[in-house]
């Protein structure tokens, strides 16, 4: 699964990299994103891309009073077309989630865990494949929310975890957002990203850095 990721970039840089119109309302988005937090997402209407803020995590349609805090932060690529929760979103509500890296936790002796961070070797932005929806909050107000699609881990990530987010190339980013795509063609885009362009680093320093210092580490 993908339970944390980071986005260390200014709005202008994200919008330029993903050819999207900036529709974000402020600069208060987290740089290390956790489930339930708002994050930058790119959606499309016809051919225009829009950069907007959404909550990370969809509320399950089967939610009851005993699990009202459950959020679907990941969706498995292999079963998207079979699950009613995701099938309709796959047809018409796909998105890109910009990131600089994602985190997994390595199991260490004596029950300890170590955060590791996977990034592109050039430290640049990439886009993860996602689905989004509009759902009511506790007060009945509409909230836009998203989930990150995961697939089997590549050879690098598999050393720590058996799943990883679907990272798209610039070419497949366009295909993922293009309206009118057939579901088999969309599913064909959801495969593990190659290991060679990625590097793995100790994740703890990134998780601990304040926002101001993180933005100084931008590769732009």
Protein backbone atom coordinates (compact mmCIF):
# COMPACT_ATOMS: atom_id res chain seq x y z
CA UNK A 1 0.00 0.00 0.00
CA UNK A 2 0.96 3.66 -0.06
CA UNK A 3 0.31 5.29 3.32
CA UNK A 4 2.44 8.44 3.07
CA UNK A 5 3.92 10.47 0.25
CA UNK A 6 5.57 13.84 -0.17
CA UNK A 7 5.09 16.73 -2.55
CA UNK A 8 7.90 19.27 -2.24
CA UNK A 9 7.10 21.78 -4.97
CA UNK A 10 5.47 25.13 -5.41
CA UNK A 11 2.05 25.36 -7.00
CA UNK A 12 3.46 26.97 -10.13
CA UNK A 13 5.95 24.14 -10.59
CA UNK A 14 3.28 21.46 -10.18
CA UNK A 15 0.94 23.22 -12.59
CA UNK A 16 3.68 23.63 -15.19
CA UNK A 17 4.92 20.04 -14.90
CA UNK A 18 1.41 18.60 -15.32
CA UNK A 19 0.12 21.26 -17.76
CA UNK A 20 -2.76 22.15 -15.44
CA UNK A 21 -4.58 25.35 -14.57
CA UNK A 22 -3.96 26.24 -10.91
CA UNK A 23 -7.30 26.24 -9.08
CA UNK A 24 -5.91 25.78 -5.55
CA UNK A 25 -7.33 28.19 -3.00
CA UNK A 26 -4.28 28.63 -0.76
CA UNK A 27 -0.81 27.36 0.12
CA UNK A 28 -1.72 25.36 3.24
CA UNK A 29 -1.40 21.90 1.73
CA UNK A 30 0.92 19.46 3.50
CA UNK A 31 4.29 18.60 2.03
CA UNK A 32 4.28 15.16 3.66
CA UNK A 33 0.77 13.90 3.05
CA UNK A 34 -1.05 11.53 5.39
CA UNK A 35 -4.50 9.94 4.95
CA UNK A 36 -7.33 12.38 5.59
CA UNK A 37 -5.27 15.44 4.70
CA UNK A 38 -5.92 17.71 1.70
CA UNK A 39 -3.50 17.38 -1.20
CA UNK A 40 -3.01 18.67 -4.73
CA UNK A 41 -4.71 16.62 -7.43
CA UNK A 42 -5.00 17.09 -11.20
CA UNK A 43 -8.36 16.38 -12.82
CA UNK A 44 -9.66 17.02 -16.29
CA UNK A 45 -12.89 18.17 -17.89
CA UNK A 46 -12.91 17.53 -21.65
CA UNK A 47 -9.32 18.53 -22.52
CA UNK A 48 -8.54 21.08 -19.77
CA UNK A 49 -6.52 19.99 -16.75
CA UNK A 50 -7.15 21.54 -13.34
CA UNK A 51 -4.96 21.52 -10.22
CA UNK A 52 -7.20 21.42 -7.16
CA UNK A 53 -7.23 20.28 -3.54
CA UNK A 54 -8.91 17.07 -2.37
CA UNK A 55 -8.92 14.95 0.77
CA UNK A 56 -6.83 11.80 0.60
CA UNK A 57 -9.19 8.93 1.24
CA UNK A 58 -12.60 7.92 -0.08
CA UNK A 59 -15.37 6.95 2.31
CA UNK A 60 -16.51 3.39 1.56
CA UNK A 61 -20.06 3.09 0.29
CA UNK A 62 -20.73 0.31 2.78
CA UNK A 63 -19.74 2.50 5.75
CA UNK A 64 -21.70 1.90 8.97
CA UNK A 65 -21.77 3.46 12.40
CA UNK A 66 -18.98 1.17 13.62
CA UNK A 67 -16.39 2.18 10.99
CA UNK A 68 -17.21 5.77 10.13
CA UNK A 69 -13.54 6.74 10.26
CA UNK A 70 -12.47 4.25 7.59
CA UNK A 71 -10.88 5.82 4.50
CA UNK A 72 -10.02 3.99 1.30
CA UNK A 73 -6.59 5.52 0.66
CA UNK A 74 -5.56 2.87 -1.88
CA UNK A 75 -7.32 0.90 -4.61
CA UNK A 76 -5.82 -2.25 -6.11
CA UNK A 77 -5.32 -1.99 -9.87
CA UNK A 78 -6.07 -5.68 -10.34
CA UNK A 79 -9.65 -5.42 -9.03
CA UNK A 80 -10.77 -1.91 -10.04
CA UNK A 81 -13.08 -3.11 -12.80
CA UNK A 82 -14.74 -5.70 -10.57
CA UNK A 83 -15.56 -3.53 -7.54
CA UNK A 84 -18.66 -1.34 -7.79
CA UNK A 85 -17.00 1.25 -5.53
CA UNK A 86 -14.33 1.92 -8.15
CA UNK A 87 -15.78 0.80 -11.48
CA UNK A 88 -17.77 3.96 -12.18
CA UNK A 89 -14.91 6.18 -11.03
CA UNK A 90 -12.56 4.33 -13.36
CA UNK A 91 -14.83 5.17 -16.27
CA UNK A 92 -15.07 8.92 -15.72
CA UNK A 93 -13.33 10.22 -12.57
CA UNK A 94 -9.61 9.59 -12.91
CA UNK A 95 -6.90 11.91 -11.60
CA UNK A 96 -3.17 12.45 -11.23
CA UNK A 97 -1.58 12.85 -7.80
CA UNK A 98 1.71 14.79 -8.02
CA UNK A 99 4.53 13.68 -5.73
CA UNK A 100 8.29 13.78 -5.19
CA UNK A 101 8.41 10.49 -3.31
CA UNK A 102 6.45 7.85 -1.45
CA UNK A 103 7.19 6.06 1.81
CA UNK A 104 7.12 2.49 3.03
CA UNK A 105 8.16 1.03 6.39
CA UNK A 106 10.82 -1.64 6.57
CA UNK A 107 10.50 -4.25 9.30
CA UNK A 108 13.58 -4.39 11.56
CA UNK A 109 14.54 -6.75 14.40
CA UNK A 110 12.69 -6.55 17.72
CA UNK A 111 9.52 -5.17 16.11
CA UNK A 112 11.08 -1.89 15.03
CA UNK A 113 10.31 -0.21 11.70
CA UNK A 114 12.30 2.17 9.50
CA UNK A 115 10.76 4.63 7.05
CA UNK A 116 12.23 4.47 3.56
CA UNK A 117 11.51 6.93 0.77
CA UNK A 118 11.41 6.13 -2.95
CA UNK A 119 12.16 9.02 -5.31
CA UNK A 120 13.19 9.59 -8.89
CA UNK A 121 16.95 9.77 -9.28
CA UNK A 122 16.66 13.34 -10.60
CA UNK A 123 14.50 14.23 -7.55
CA UNK A 124 11.81 15.52 -9.90
CA UNK A 125 8.03 15.37 -9.76
CA UNK A 126 6.07 12.34 -10.88
CA UNK A 127 2.35 11.58 -11.04
CA UNK A 128 0.55 8.68 -9.39
CA UNK A 129 -2.68 7.32 -10.85
CA UNK A 130 -5.81 7.96 -8.81
CA UNK A 131 -9.59 8.04 -8.72
CA UNK A 132 -11.74 10.77 -7.18
CA UNK A 133 -15.31 11.32 -6.07
CA UNK A 134 -17.58 13.86 -4.36
CA UNK A 135 -18.91 12.57 -1.05
CA UNK A 136 -20.85 14.10 1.88
CA UNK A 137 -19.02 14.85 5.11
CA UNK A 138 -20.50 14.38 8.58
CA UNK A 139 -22.59 17.54 8.16
CA UNK A 140 -23.78 16.55 4.70
CA UNK A 141 -21.54 19.01 2.84
CA UNK A 142 -19.90 17.76 -0.38
CA UNK A 143 -16.22 16.89 -0.12
CA UNK A 144 -13.96 16.03 -3.04
CA UNK A 145 -11.72 13.08 -2.18
CA UNK A 146 -9.30 10.74 -3.93
CA UNK A 147 -7.60 7.37 -3.63
CA UNK A 148 -4.22 6.23 -4.97
CA UNK A 149 -4.11 3.16 -7.20
CA UNK A 150 -1.54 0.53 -6.26
CA UNK A 151 0.01 -2.37 -8.15
CA UNK A 152 2.55 -5.12 -7.51
CA UNK A 153 5.92 -3.79 -6.32
CA UNK A 154 8.90 -3.62 -8.65
CA UNK A 155 12.19 -5.33 -7.79
CA UNK A 156 13.39 -2.41 -5.65
CA UNK A 157 10.26 -1.81 -3.59
CA UNK A 158 9.59 -5.54 -3.18
CA UNK A 159 12.51 -5.75 -0.75
CA UNK A 160 10.36 -3.78 1.72
CA UNK A 161 6.74 -4.14 0.59
CA UNK A 162 4.80 -6.13 -1.99
CA UNK A 163 2.76 -3.16 -3.26
CA UNK A 164 3.59 0.27 -4.67
CA UNK A 165 1.62 3.20 -6.12
CA UNK A 166 1.08 3.25 -9.86
CA UNK A 167 3.54 5.86 -11.17
CA UNK A 168 2.70 7.07 -14.66
CA UNK A 169 5.09 8.32 -17.32
CA UNK A 170 4.32 11.66 -19.06
CA UNK A 171 2.92 9.66 -21.98
CA UNK A 172 0.67 7.49 -19.84
CA UNK A 173 -0.39 10.49 -17.75
CA UNK A 174 -2.12 11.89 -20.83
CA UNK A 175 -3.73 8.56 -21.66
CA UNK A 176 -4.96 8.12 -18.07
CA UNK A 177 -6.76 11.47 -18.09
CA UNK A 178 -8.09 11.32 -21.64
CA UNK A 179 -11.91 11.06 -21.66
CA UNK A 180 -13.61 8.21 -23.48
CA UNK A 181 -10.94 5.60 -22.83
CA UNK A 182 -12.01 1.96 -22.75
CA UNK A 183 -11.51 0.19 -19.44
CA UNK A 184 -9.14 -2.51 -20.82
CA UNK A 185 -6.93 0.25 -22.23
CA UNK A 186 -6.92 2.05 -18.88
CA UNK A 187 -6.08 -1.10 -16.94
CA UNK A 188 -3.15 -1.72 -19.27
CA UNK A 189 -1.56 1.50 -17.97
CA UNK A 190 -1.55 0.31 -14.36
CA UNK A 191 1.67 -1.65 -14.08
CA UNK A 192 4.74 -1.36 -11.81
CA UNK A 193 7.11 1.51 -12.54
CA UNK A 194 10.61 0.45 -13.56
CA UNK A 195 13.11 0.16 -10.71
CA UNK A 196 16.05 1.76 -12.54
CA UNK A 197 14.77 5.39 -12.49
CA UNK A 198 14.09 5.17 -8.74
CA UNK A 199 16.35 5.55 -5.74
CA UNK A 200 15.71 4.62 -2.13
CA UNK A 201 16.69 6.82 0.83
CA UNK A 202 16.17 6.97 4.58
CA UNK A 203 12.68 8.40 4.97
CA UNK A 204 12.98 9.70 8.53
CA UNK A 205 14.63 13.05 7.64
CA UNK A 206 11.89 13.85 5.12
CA UNK A 207 9.13 13.00 7.57
CA UNK A 208 10.71 15.22 10.25
CA UNK A 209 11.49 18.31 8.19
CA UNK A 210 9.28 21.39 8.59
CA UNK A 211 7.61 22.76 5.49
CA UNK A 212 9.98 25.72 5.10
CA UNK A 213 13.10 23.53 4.98
CA UNK A 214 11.49 21.00 2.65
CA UNK A 215 10.81 23.68 0.07
CA UNK A 216 14.51 24.60 0.12
CA UNK A 217 15.30 21.07 -1.11
CA UNK A 218 13.40 21.50 -4.38
CA UNK A 219 15.35 20.26 -7.40
CA UNK A 220 14.04 23.09 -9.61
